[in-house]
Amino acid sequence: MQAMGLKPHLCGRFHRAVELIGGRWTGAVIHLLMNGRMRFAELRSAIPDISDRMLSERLRELEAEGILARIVVPETPVRVEYELTEKGHALEQALCAVGKWAEKWMIEPRAARPAAAATQPVRKRASQR
């Protein structure tokens, strides 16, 4: 219950954290890296529908925030891997909580669409006939 006279406010740090973690594909990248180092191609193949450009942007953003580290392995050819930092691993409990919430409350993306709607033909507008 809210104290009398106090207006609710949004904590800037909370808002920034939610916006960062809630960014498209960001949670998926962090979740995959919880299991250890991965290369760019491994991340791309593990995340359906992500483009190279989007994955690059997410990796740069997470690196700039100190959530993951980009590791250059000096061999021929040079290999680049990504791993979570201590700051990134600290998100594990929060992401597990979101995962449990999702299991209980979220519908699978494909199951969310009624089967009848998926099998019905698309109607053309009068101007397209």
N, C-alpha and C. Protein backbone atom coordinates (compact mmCIF):
# COMPACT_ATOMS: atom_id res chain seq x y z
N MET A 1 0.84 -1.18 0.00
CA MET A 1 0.00 0.00 0.00
C MET A 1 0.89 1.24 0.00
N GLN A 2 0.48 2.24 -0.72
CA GLN A 2 1.25 3.47 -0.89
C GLN A 2 1.07 4.38 0.31
N ALA A 3 2.15 4.95 0.81
CA ALA A 3 2.07 5.90 1.93
C ALA A 3 1.34 7.15 1.46
N MET A 4 0.59 7.73 2.35
CA MET A 4 -0.18 8.93 2.00
C MET A 4 0.74 10.07 1.62
N GLY A 5 0.42 10.72 0.53
CA GLY A 5 1.18 11.89 0.10
C GLY A 5 2.39 11.58 -0.77
N LEU A 6 2.82 10.32 -0.81
CA LEU A 6 3.96 9.97 -1.64
C LEU A 6 3.50 9.47 -3.00
N LYS A 7 4.07 10.03 -4.03
CA LYS A 7 3.73 9.60 -5.38
C LYS A 7 4.71 8.51 -5.81
N PRO A 8 4.20 7.50 -6.51
CA PRO A 8 5.12 6.47 -6.99
C PRO A 8 6.07 7.06 -8.03
N HIS A 9 7.27 6.54 -8.07
CA HIS A 9 8.23 7.00 -9.07
C HIS A 9 8.98 5.80 -9.64
N LEU A 10 9.53 5.98 -10.78
CA LEU A 10 10.28 4.93 -11.43
C LEU A 10 11.76 5.15 -11.19
N CYS A 11 12.40 4.16 -10.60
CA CYS A 11 13.84 4.23 -10.34
C CYS A 11 14.58 4.19 -11.68
N GLY A 12 15.45 5.15 -11.90
CA GLY A 12 16.19 5.23 -13.15
C GLY A 12 17.05 4.01 -13.42
N ARG A 13 17.67 3.47 -12.38
CA ARG A 13 18.51 2.28 -12.56
C ARG A 13 17.67 1.07 -12.95
N PHE A 14 16.53 0.92 -12.28
CA PHE A 14 15.63 -0.19 -12.61
C PHE A 14 15.17 -0.09 -14.06
N HIS A 15 14.73 1.09 -14.45
CA HIS A 15 14.24 1.30 -15.81
C HIS A 15 15.33 0.98 -16.83
N ARG A 16 16.52 1.44 -16.60
CA ARG A 16 17.64 1.19 -17.53
C ARG A 16 17.95 -0.30 -17.62
N ALA A 17 17.93 -0.98 -16.48
CA ALA A 17 18.20 -2.43 -16.46
C ALA A 17 17.14 -3.21 -17.22
N VAL A 18 15.88 -2.86 -17.01
CA VAL A 18 14.80 -3.56 -17.70
C VAL A 18 14.86 -3.30 -19.19
N GLU A 19 15.15 -2.08 -19.58
CA GLU A 19 15.27 -1.75 -21.00
C GLU A 19 16.45 -2.51 -21.64
N LEU A 20 17.54 -2.64 -20.93
CA LEU A 20 18.71 -3.35 -21.45
C LEU A 20 18.41 -4.84 -21.61
N ILE A 21 17.96 -5.46 -20.56
CA ILE A 21 17.71 -6.90 -20.57
C ILE A 21 16.52 -7.24 -21.46
N GLY A 22 15.56 -6.33 -21.53
CA GLY A 22 14.37 -6.57 -22.33
C GLY A 22 14.52 -6.26 -23.80
N GLY A 23 15.70 -5.80 -24.21
CA GLY A 23 15.94 -5.50 -25.62
C GLY A 23 15.81 -6.77 -26.46
N ARG A 24 15.38 -6.61 -27.68
CA ARG A 24 15.17 -7.77 -28.53
C ARG A 24 16.45 -8.60 -28.66
N TRP A 25 16.34 -9.88 -28.37
CA TRP A 25 17.39 -10.88 -28.45
C TRP A 25 18.39 -10.83 -27.30
N THR A 26 18.38 -9.77 -26.49
CA THR A 26 19.39 -9.64 -25.43
C THR A 26 19.29 -10.76 -24.42
N GLY A 27 18.09 -11.04 -23.96
CA GLY A 27 17.90 -12.13 -22.99
C GLY A 27 18.36 -13.46 -23.54
N ALA A 28 18.11 -13.70 -24.82
CA ALA A 28 18.53 -14.96 -25.45
C ALA A 28 20.06 -15.07 -25.46
N VAL A 29 20.74 -14.00 -25.80
CA VAL A 29 22.20 -14.01 -25.83
C VAL A 29 22.75 -14.30 -24.44
N ILE A 30 22.24 -13.60 -23.45
CA ILE A 30 22.72 -13.80 -22.07
C ILE A 30 22.42 -15.22 -21.61
N HIS A 31 21.22 -15.69 -21.88
CA HIS A 31 20.83 -17.04 -21.48
C HIS A 31 21.77 -18.09 -22.08
N LEU A 32 22.09 -17.97 -23.35
CA LEU A 32 22.99 -18.93 -23.99
C LEU A 32 24.39 -18.88 -23.39
N LEU A 33 24.85 -17.68 -23.08
CA LEU A 33 26.21 -17.54 -22.53
C LEU A 33 26.31 -17.98 -21.07
N MET A 34 25.18 -18.23 -20.42
CA MET A 34 25.22 -18.75 -19.05
C MET A 34 25.91 -20.11 -19.02
N ASN A 35 25.89 -20.82 -20.15
CA ASN A 35 26.50 -22.15 -20.23
C ASN A 35 27.98 -22.12 -20.58
N GLY A 36 28.53 -20.94 -20.85
CA GLY A 36 29.95 -20.83 -21.16
C GLY A 36 30.21 -20.07 -22.45
N ARG A 37 31.48 -19.99 -22.80
CA ARG A 37 31.90 -19.25 -24.00
C ARG A 37 31.26 -19.78 -25.26
N MET A 38 30.99 -18.85 -26.17
CA MET A 38 30.45 -19.22 -27.48
C MET A 38 31.01 -18.29 -28.53
N ARG A 39 31.11 -18.82 -29.73
CA ARG A 39 31.53 -18.01 -30.87
C ARG A 39 30.31 -17.38 -31.52
N PHE A 40 30.55 -16.36 -32.35
CA PHE A 40 29.49 -15.63 -33.01
C PHE A 40 28.56 -16.58 -33.78
N ALA A 41 29.15 -17.46 -34.59
CA ALA A 41 28.35 -18.38 -35.41
C ALA A 41 27.51 -19.32 -34.55
N GLU A 42 28.04 -19.72 -33.41
CA GLU A 42 27.28 -20.60 -32.51
C GLU A 42 26.07 -19.86 -31.94
N LEU A 43 26.28 -18.61 -31.55
CA LEU A 43 25.16 -17.80 -31.05
C LEU A 43 24.12 -17.59 -32.13
N ARG A 44 24.57 -17.23 -33.32
CA ARG A 44 23.64 -16.98 -34.43
C ARG A 44 22.81 -18.21 -34.74
N SER A 45 23.42 -19.38 -34.77
CA SER A 45 22.66 -20.59 -35.10
C SER A 45 21.74 -21.02 -33.96
N ALA A 46 22.05 -20.62 -32.74
CA ALA A 46 21.22 -20.99 -31.59
C ALA A 46 20.01 -20.07 -31.40
N ILE A 47 20.03 -18.90 -32.04
CA ILE A 47 18.95 -17.93 -31.89
C ILE A 47 18.21 -17.83 -33.21
N PRO A 48 17.02 -18.41 -33.30
CA PRO A 48 16.30 -18.38 -34.56
C PRO A 48 15.96 -16.96 -35.00
N ASP A 49 16.09 -16.70 -36.26
CA ASP A 49 15.68 -15.44 -36.90
C ASP A 49 16.52 -14.22 -36.57
N ILE A 50 17.62 -14.34 -35.83
CA ILE A 50 18.44 -13.16 -35.56
C ILE A 50 19.36 -12.93 -36.76
N SER A 51 19.52 -11.67 -37.12
CA SER A 51 20.42 -11.34 -38.23
C SER A 51 21.84 -11.13 -37.69
N ASP A 52 22.81 -11.21 -38.57
CA ASP A 52 24.20 -10.95 -38.17
C ASP A 52 24.32 -9.55 -37.59
N ARG A 53 23.68 -8.59 -38.24
CA ARG A 53 23.76 -7.20 -37.79
C ARG A 53 23.18 -7.03 -36.38
N MET A 54 22.02 -7.63 -36.14
CA MET A 54 21.39 -7.51 -34.83
C MET A 54 22.23 -8.18 -33.75
N LEU A 55 22.77 -9.35 -34.06
CA LEU A 55 23.61 -10.05 -33.09
C LEU A 55 24.85 -9.22 -32.78
N SER A 56 25.46 -8.65 -33.80
CA SER A 56 26.64 -7.79 -33.59
C SER A 56 26.30 -6.62 -32.70
N GLU A 57 25.15 -5.99 -32.94
CA GLU A 57 24.73 -4.85 -32.12
C GLU A 57 24.52 -5.26 -30.67
N ARG A 58 23.85 -6.39 -30.45
CA ARG A 58 23.61 -6.84 -29.09
C ARG A 58 24.91 -7.17 -28.37
N LEU A 59 25.82 -7.84 -29.07
CA LEU A 59 27.10 -8.19 -28.45
C LEU A 59 27.89 -6.93 -28.08
N ARG A 60 27.90 -5.94 -28.97
CA ARG A 60 28.62 -4.69 -28.67
C ARG A 60 27.97 -3.97 -27.48
N GLU A 61 26.65 -3.94 -27.46
CA GLU A 61 25.93 -3.28 -26.37
C GLU A 61 26.21 -3.96 -25.03
N LEU A 62 26.16 -5.29 -25.01
CA LEU A 62 26.41 -6.02 -23.76
C LEU A 62 27.87 -5.90 -23.32
N GLU A 63 28.77 -5.83 -24.28
CA GLU A 63 30.18 -5.64 -23.95
C GLU A 63 30.39 -4.24 -23.36
N ALA A 64 29.76 -3.23 -23.95
CA ALA A 64 29.88 -1.85 -23.45
C ALA A 64 29.33 -1.73 -22.04
N GLU A 65 28.32 -2.52 -21.70
CA GLU A 65 27.72 -2.50 -20.36
C GLU A 65 28.51 -3.34 -19.36
N GLY A 66 29.52 -4.07 -19.85
CA GLY A 66 30.32 -4.91 -18.96
C GLY A 66 29.66 -6.22 -18.61
N ILE A 67 28.66 -6.63 -19.38
CA ILE A 67 27.93 -7.87 -19.11
C ILE A 67 28.61 -9.06 -19.77
N LEU A 68 29.26 -8.82 -20.89
CA LEU A 68 30.03 -9.89 -21.52
C LEU A 68 31.38 -9.36 -21.95
N ALA A 69 32.27 -10.31 -22.16
CA ALA A 69 33.62 -9.98 -22.62
C ALA A 69 33.85 -10.64 -23.97
N ARG A 70 34.53 -9.92 -24.83
CA ARG A 70 34.92 -10.42 -26.15
C ARG A 70 36.35 -10.90 -26.02
N ILE A 71 36.56 -12.18 -26.27
CA ILE A 71 37.88 -12.77 -26.10
C ILE A 71 38.44 -13.16 -27.46
N VAL A 72 39.61 -12.62 -27.77
CA VAL A 72 40.30 -12.96 -29.02
C VAL A 72 41.31 -14.04 -28.69
N VAL A 73 41.13 -15.20 -29.31
CA VAL A 73 42.04 -16.33 -29.09
C VAL A 73 43.09 -16.27 -30.19
N PRO A 74 44.34 -16.02 -29.81
CA PRO A 74 45.41 -15.84 -30.81
C PRO A 74 45.89 -17.16 -31.40
N GLU A 75 45.17 -17.63 -32.38
CA GLU A 75 45.59 -18.79 -33.14
C GLU A 75 45.31 -18.50 -34.61
N THR A 76 45.70 -19.37 -35.47
CA THR A 76 45.49 -19.13 -36.90
C THR A 76 44.40 -20.07 -37.40
N PRO A 77 43.31 -19.55 -37.92
CA PRO A 77 42.92 -18.14 -37.92
C PRO A 77 42.49 -17.70 -36.52
N VAL A 78 42.48 -16.39 -36.33
CA VAL A 78 42.11 -15.82 -35.04
C VAL A 78 40.67 -16.22 -34.73
N ARG A 79 40.43 -16.59 -33.49
CA ARG A 79 39.09 -17.00 -33.06
C ARG A 79 38.58 -16.00 -32.04
N VAL A 80 37.32 -15.59 -32.18
CA VAL A 80 36.71 -14.65 -31.25
C VAL A 80 35.59 -15.38 -30.52
N GLU A 81 35.61 -15.29 -29.21
CA GLU A 81 34.59 -15.92 -28.37
C GLU A 81 34.00 -14.89 -27.43
N TYR A 82 32.82 -15.17 -26.94
CA TYR A 82 32.13 -14.28 -26.02
C TYR A 82 31.80 -15.05 -24.76
N GLU A 83 31.99 -14.39 -23.61
CA GLU A 83 31.62 -15.02 -22.34
C GLU A 83 31.09 -13.96 -21.39
N LEU A 84 30.27 -14.40 -20.46
CA LEU A 84 29.72 -13.48 -19.48
C LEU A 84 30.79 -13.09 -18.47
N THR A 85 30.70 -11.86 -18.03
CA THR A 85 31.56 -11.38 -16.95
C THR A 85 30.88 -11.72 -15.62
N GLU A 86 31.49 -11.34 -14.54
CA GLU A 86 30.87 -11.52 -13.22
C GLU A 86 29.53 -10.78 -13.18
N LYS A 87 29.51 -9.59 -13.76
CA LYS A 87 28.29 -8.79 -13.82
C LYS A 87 27.21 -9.53 -14.62
N GLY A 88 27.60 -10.17 -15.71
CA GLY A 88 26.65 -10.92 -16.52
C GLY A 88 26.12 -12.15 -15.80
N HIS A 89 27.02 -12.87 -15.14
CA HIS A 89 26.59 -14.05 -14.38
C HIS A 89 25.67 -13.68 -13.22
N ALA A 90 25.79 -12.46 -12.73
CA ALA A 90 24.92 -12.00 -11.63
C ALA A 90 23.46 -11.91 -12.06
N LEU A 91 23.19 -11.94 -13.36
CA LEU A 91 21.82 -11.90 -13.88
C LEU A 91 21.14 -13.27 -13.85
N GLU A 92 21.88 -14.32 -13.54
CA GLU A 92 21.34 -15.67 -13.62
C GLU A 92 20.07 -15.86 -12.78
N GLN A 93 20.09 -15.43 -11.56
CA GLN A 93 18.93 -15.60 -10.68
C GLN A 93 17.71 -14.84 -11.22
N ALA A 94 17.94 -13.63 -11.70
CA ALA A 94 16.84 -12.83 -12.24
C ALA A 94 16.27 -13.48 -13.51
N LEU A 95 17.13 -13.97 -14.39
CA LEU A 95 16.65 -14.61 -15.61
C LEU A 95 15.96 -15.94 -15.32
N CYS A 96 16.42 -16.66 -14.30
CA CYS A 96 15.73 -17.90 -13.90
C CYS A 96 14.33 -17.58 -13.40
N ALA A 97 14.21 -16.49 -12.65
CA ALA A 97 12.89 -16.08 -12.16
C ALA A 97 11.96 -15.72 -13.32
N VAL A 98 12.49 -15.02 -14.31
CA VAL A 98 11.69 -14.68 -15.49
C VAL A 98 11.30 -15.97 -16.22
N GLY A 99 12.21 -16.91 -16.32
CA GLY A 99 11.93 -18.19 -16.97
C GLY A 99 10.81 -18.95 -16.27
N LYS A 100 10.83 -18.98 -14.95
CA LYS A 100 9.77 -19.66 -14.18
C LYS A 100 8.43 -18.96 -14.39
N TRP A 101 8.47 -17.63 -14.40
CA TRP A 101 7.25 -16.86 -14.64
C TRP A 101 6.71 -17.18 -16.04
N ALA A 102 7.59 -17.23 -17.02
CA ALA A 102 7.19 -17.51 -18.40
C ALA A 102 6.57 -18.90 -18.53
N GLU A 103 7.17 -19.89 -17.86
CA GLU A 103 6.63 -21.25 -17.91
C GLU A 103 5.19 -21.29 -17.40
N LYS A 104 4.92 -20.50 -16.39
CA LYS A 104 3.59 -20.49 -15.80
C LYS A 104 2.59 -19.66 -16.59
N TRP A 105 3.02 -18.51 -17.11
CA TRP A 105 2.08 -17.54 -17.62
C TRP A 105 2.10 -17.30 -19.13
N MET A 106 3.14 -17.66 -19.82
CA MET A 106 3.24 -17.36 -21.24
C MET A 106 2.80 -18.54 -22.09
N ILE A 107 2.20 -18.23 -23.21
CA ILE A 107 1.77 -19.24 -24.17
C ILE A 107 2.89 -19.38 -25.20
N GLU A 108 3.12 -20.61 -25.65
CA GLU A 108 4.11 -20.83 -26.70
C GLU A 108 3.73 -19.98 -27.90
N PRO A 109 4.70 -19.35 -28.57
CA PRO A 109 4.38 -18.47 -29.71
C PRO A 109 3.52 -19.13 -30.78
N ARG A 110 3.79 -20.35 -31.16
CA ARG A 110 3.02 -21.01 -32.22
C ARG A 110 1.66 -21.44 -31.72
N ALA A 111 1.54 -21.75 -30.44
CA ALA A 111 0.26 -22.18 -29.87
C ALA A 111 -0.66 -20.99 -29.64
N ALA A 112 -0.11 -19.79 -29.65
CA ALA A 112 -0.91 -18.59 -29.38
C ALA A 112 -1.86 -18.29 -30.52
N ARG A 113 -1.53 -18.76 -31.72
CA ARG A 113 -2.36 -18.50 -32.89
C ARG A 113 -3.37 -19.63 -33.04
N PRO A 114 -4.68 -19.33 -33.11
CA PRO A 114 -5.67 -20.39 -33.27
C PRO A 114 -5.43 -21.18 -34.56
N ALA A 115 -5.60 -22.47 -34.50
CA ALA A 115 -5.34 -23.34 -35.65
C ALA A 115 -6.25 -23.00 -36.82
N ALA A 116 -7.50 -22.65 -36.55
CA ALA A 116 -8.44 -22.34 -37.63
C ALA A 116 -7.97 -21.12 -38.42
N ALA A 117 -7.43 -20.13 -37.76
CA ALA A 117 -6.95 -18.93 -38.44
C ALA A 117 -5.76 -19.24 -39.34
N ALA A 118 -4.96 -20.21 -38.94
CA ALA A 118 -3.77 -20.55 -39.71
C ALA A 118 -4.13 -21.26 -41.01
N THR A 119 -5.28 -21.96 -41.04
CA THR A 119 -5.64 -22.73 -42.23
C THR A 119 -6.58 -21.99 -43.17
N GLN A 120 -7.14 -20.87 -42.76
CA GLN A 120 -8.08 -20.14 -43.59
C GLN A 120 -7.32 -19.30 -44.61
N PRO A 121 -7.84 -19.26 -45.85
CA PRO A 121 -7.17 -18.46 -46.87
C PRO A 121 -7.25 -16.97 -46.57
N VAL A 122 -6.28 -16.25 -47.06
CA VAL A 122 -6.26 -14.79 -46.90
C VAL A 122 -7.21 -14.21 -47.93
N ARG A 123 -8.11 -13.36 -47.50
CA ARG A 123 -9.08 -12.75 -48.41
C ARG A 123 -8.47 -11.53 -49.06
N LYS A 124 -8.72 -11.38 -50.35
CA LYS A 124 -8.24 -10.22 -51.07
C LYS A 124 -9.22 -9.08 -50.91
N ARG A 125 -8.69 -7.88 -50.83
CA ARG A 125 -9.55 -6.70 -50.79
C ARG A 125 -10.20 -6.52 -52.15
N ALA A 126 -11.31 -5.82 -52.17
CA ALA A 126 -12.05 -5.59 -53.42
C ALA A 126 -11.15 -4.95 -54.47
N SER A 127 -10.25 -4.09 -54.06
CA SER A 127 -9.35 -3.41 -55.00
C SER A 127 -8.31 -4.34 -55.60
N GLN A 128 -8.09 -5.50 -54.99
CA GLN A 128 -7.09 -6.46 -55.48
C GLN A 128 -7.71 -7.52 -56.39
N ARG A 129 -9.05 -7.59 -56.47
CA ARG A 129 -9.72 -8.62 -57.27
C ARG A 129 -9.72 -8.32 -58.73
